[in-house]
């Protein structure tokens, strides 16, 4: 069985961009570290000191980065758990999930073909999208019938 885990490499890969700013807040240096994750989500931490004479920005930065790294571990762990919990367990569940996704996409494409945006497309693109819709409609019928035969659901 494949081990399900979050790795240090995944945490580091997700921490894309780092901005460090040290400002004076209430006559004390305060370092703010913001990290942008690869999906665009940002995390921020800050640190300060008791005695400004002893403040070291590099230490403040490292403290903030460690706190942010802990948050990234947490977020990636949550996302992995959510994925595991929502992964179909057997071929019937996978087939039903595929049917539902395909049916939703087919419905959205059909609605798009009735839009003004579609009407503004060149004739070749319109033709290809109509062909795509017909193929998707046929596919969803076949998949739906397979689901019925497996007792997964009734159409």
Protein backbone atom coordinates (compact mmCIF):
# COMPACT_ATOMS: atom_id res chain seq x y z
CA UNK A 1 0.00 0.00 0.00
CA UNK A 2 1.27 3.48 -0.87
CA UNK A 3 2.20 5.59 2.15
CA UNK A 4 0.03 8.67 2.46
CA UNK A 5 2.09 11.50 3.89
CA UNK A 6 3.22 15.09 3.47
CA UNK A 7 6.94 15.47 2.92
CA UNK A 8 9.42 18.21 3.78
CA UNK A 9 10.03 18.57 0.02
CA UNK A 10 6.32 19.25 -0.58
CA UNK A 11 6.31 21.87 2.15
CA UNK A 12 9.36 23.60 0.64
CA UNK A 13 7.96 23.38 -2.92
CA UNK A 14 4.79 25.14 -1.76
CA UNK A 15 6.67 28.04 -0.19
CA UNK A 16 7.39 29.95 -3.41
CA UNK A 17 8.09 33.60 -2.66
CA UNK A 18 9.24 35.23 0.58
CA UNK A 19 9.02 38.91 1.51
CA UNK A 20 10.76 40.15 4.68
CA UNK A 21 10.10 43.62 6.09
CA UNK A 22 11.31 45.03 9.38
CA UNK A 23 9.46 48.07 10.66
CA UNK A 24 9.49 50.06 13.86
CA UNK A 25 6.31 49.37 15.84
CA UNK A 26 6.04 51.16 19.21
CA UNK A 27 9.77 51.97 19.17
CA UNK A 28 10.69 48.29 18.64
CA UNK A 29 11.75 46.50 15.47
CA UNK A 30 9.14 44.09 14.19
CA UNK A 31 9.92 41.69 11.36
CA UNK A 32 7.05 40.62 9.09
CA UNK A 33 7.54 37.63 6.81
CA UNK A 34 5.02 36.87 4.09
CA UNK A 35 5.19 33.68 2.04
CA UNK A 36 3.25 33.12 -1.16
CA UNK A 37 2.42 29.49 -1.75
CA UNK A 38 2.48 28.04 -5.25
CA UNK A 39 -1.33 28.30 -5.51
CA UNK A 40 -1.20 32.03 -4.66
CA UNK A 41 -2.35 31.70 -1.03
CA UNK A 42 -0.28 33.81 1.37
CA UNK A 43 0.77 33.26 4.95
CA UNK A 44 2.26 35.91 7.26
CA UNK A 45 4.01 35.82 10.60
CA UNK A 46 5.72 38.48 12.67
CA UNK A 47 8.21 38.66 15.49
CA UNK A 48 9.70 41.34 17.71
CA UNK A 49 11.92 41.57 20.78
CA UNK A 50 12.01 42.73 24.37
CA UNK A 51 15.17 44.82 24.02
CA UNK A 52 15.69 46.55 20.64
CA UNK A 53 19.45 46.56 21.25
CA UNK A 54 19.45 42.75 21.04
CA UNK A 55 17.26 42.47 17.92
CA UNK A 56 18.56 40.44 14.98
CA UNK A 57 16.44 40.56 11.80
CA UNK A 58 17.85 37.24 10.52
CA UNK A 59 16.79 35.44 13.70
CA UNK A 60 13.36 37.09 13.47
CA UNK A 61 13.06 35.96 9.84
CA UNK A 62 13.99 32.37 10.74
CA UNK A 63 11.45 32.28 13.59
CA UNK A 64 8.73 33.51 11.24
CA UNK A 65 9.67 31.05 8.50
CA UNK A 66 9.51 28.15 10.99
CA UNK A 67 6.03 29.26 12.08
CA UNK A 68 4.91 29.54 8.45
CA UNK A 69 6.39 26.13 7.64
CA UNK A 70 4.31 24.63 10.47
CA UNK A 71 1.20 26.20 8.95
CA UNK A 72 2.07 24.82 5.51
CA UNK A 73 2.47 21.31 7.00
CA UNK A 74 -0.98 21.72 8.57
CA UNK A 75 -2.60 22.98 5.36
CA UNK A 76 -1.05 20.28 3.18
CA UNK A 77 -2.03 17.63 5.73
CA UNK A 78 -5.61 18.88 5.69
CA UNK A 79 -5.69 18.88 1.87
CA UNK A 80 -4.30 15.34 1.75
CA UNK A 81 -6.81 14.09 4.31
CA UNK A 82 -9.63 15.71 2.34
CA UNK A 83 -8.41 14.05 -0.87
CA UNK A 84 -8.16 10.64 0.82
CA UNK A 85 -11.62 11.00 2.37
CA UNK A 86 -13.17 11.96 -0.97
CA UNK A 87 -11.40 9.40 -3.16
CA UNK A 88 -13.81 6.78 -4.48
CA UNK A 89 -13.14 3.43 -2.78
CA UNK A 90 -13.96 1.03 -5.62
CA UNK A 91 -14.66 1.00 -9.36
CA UNK A 92 -18.38 1.65 -8.87
CA UNK A 93 -17.73 4.81 -6.84
CA UNK A 94 -15.12 5.94 -9.39
CA UNK A 95 -17.57 5.32 -12.23
CA UNK A 96 -20.34 7.28 -10.50
CA UNK A 97 -17.92 10.13 -9.71
CA UNK A 98 -16.81 10.21 -13.35
CA UNK A 99 -20.45 10.19 -14.50
CA UNK A 100 -21.38 13.09 -12.22
CA UNK A 101 -18.36 15.16 -13.31
CA UNK A 102 -18.98 14.46 -17.00
CA UNK A 103 -22.69 15.21 -16.68
CA UNK A 104 -21.91 18.55 -15.00
CA UNK A 105 -19.36 19.49 -17.68
CA UNK A 106 -21.77 18.49 -20.44
CA UNK A 107 -24.49 20.68 -18.93
CA UNK A 108 -22.07 23.61 -18.68
CA UNK A 109 -20.90 23.20 -22.27
CA UNK A 110 -24.51 23.03 -23.50
CA UNK A 111 -25.27 26.27 -21.64
CA UNK A 112 -22.17 27.90 -23.14
CA UNK A 113 -23.34 26.99 -26.64
CA UNK A 114 -26.43 29.12 -25.98
CA UNK A 115 -24.37 32.16 -24.96
CA UNK A 116 -23.39 35.32 -26.80
CA UNK A 117 -19.73 34.48 -26.22
CA UNK A 118 -20.22 31.28 -28.24
CA UNK A 119 -21.95 33.21 -31.02
CA UNK A 120 -18.92 35.49 -31.29
CA UNK A 121 -16.56 32.57 -31.98
CA UNK A 122 -15.42 31.72 -35.48
CA UNK A 123 -17.51 29.08 -37.32
CA UNK A 124 -14.83 26.38 -37.05
CA UNK A 125 -14.60 26.73 -33.26
CA UNK A 126 -18.39 26.62 -33.03
CA UNK A 127 -18.50 23.46 -35.14
CA UNK A 128 -15.83 21.76 -33.02
CA UNK A 129 -17.60 22.67 -29.79
CA UNK A 130 -20.90 21.27 -31.12
CA UNK A 131 -19.06 18.05 -32.04
CA UNK A 132 -17.52 17.97 -28.59
CA UNK A 133 -20.95 18.35 -26.98
CA UNK A 134 -22.41 15.49 -29.05
CA UNK A 135 -19.48 13.24 -28.08
CA UNK A 136 -19.83 14.16 -24.41
CA UNK A 137 -23.59 13.53 -24.49
CA UNK A 138 -22.99 10.08 -25.99
CA UNK A 139 -20.26 9.35 -23.44
CA UNK A 140 -22.46 10.39 -20.51
CA UNK A 141 -25.27 8.11 -21.80
CA UNK A 142 -22.91 5.12 -22.06
CA UNK A 143 -21.40 5.77 -18.64
CA UNK A 144 -24.84 6.24 -17.11
CA UNK A 145 -26.02 2.91 -18.53
CA UNK A 146 -22.90 1.18 -17.15
CA UNK A 147 -23.68 2.66 -13.73
CA UNK A 148 -27.22 1.32 -13.96
CA UNK A 149 -26.01 -2.17 -14.92
CA UNK A 150 -23.63 -2.18 -11.96
CA UNK A 151 -26.46 -1.17 -9.64
CA UNK A 152 -24.59 2.01 -8.77
CA UNK A 153 -27.69 4.12 -9.42
CA UNK A 154 -30.80 4.38 -11.58
CA UNK A 155 -31.13 7.02 -14.27
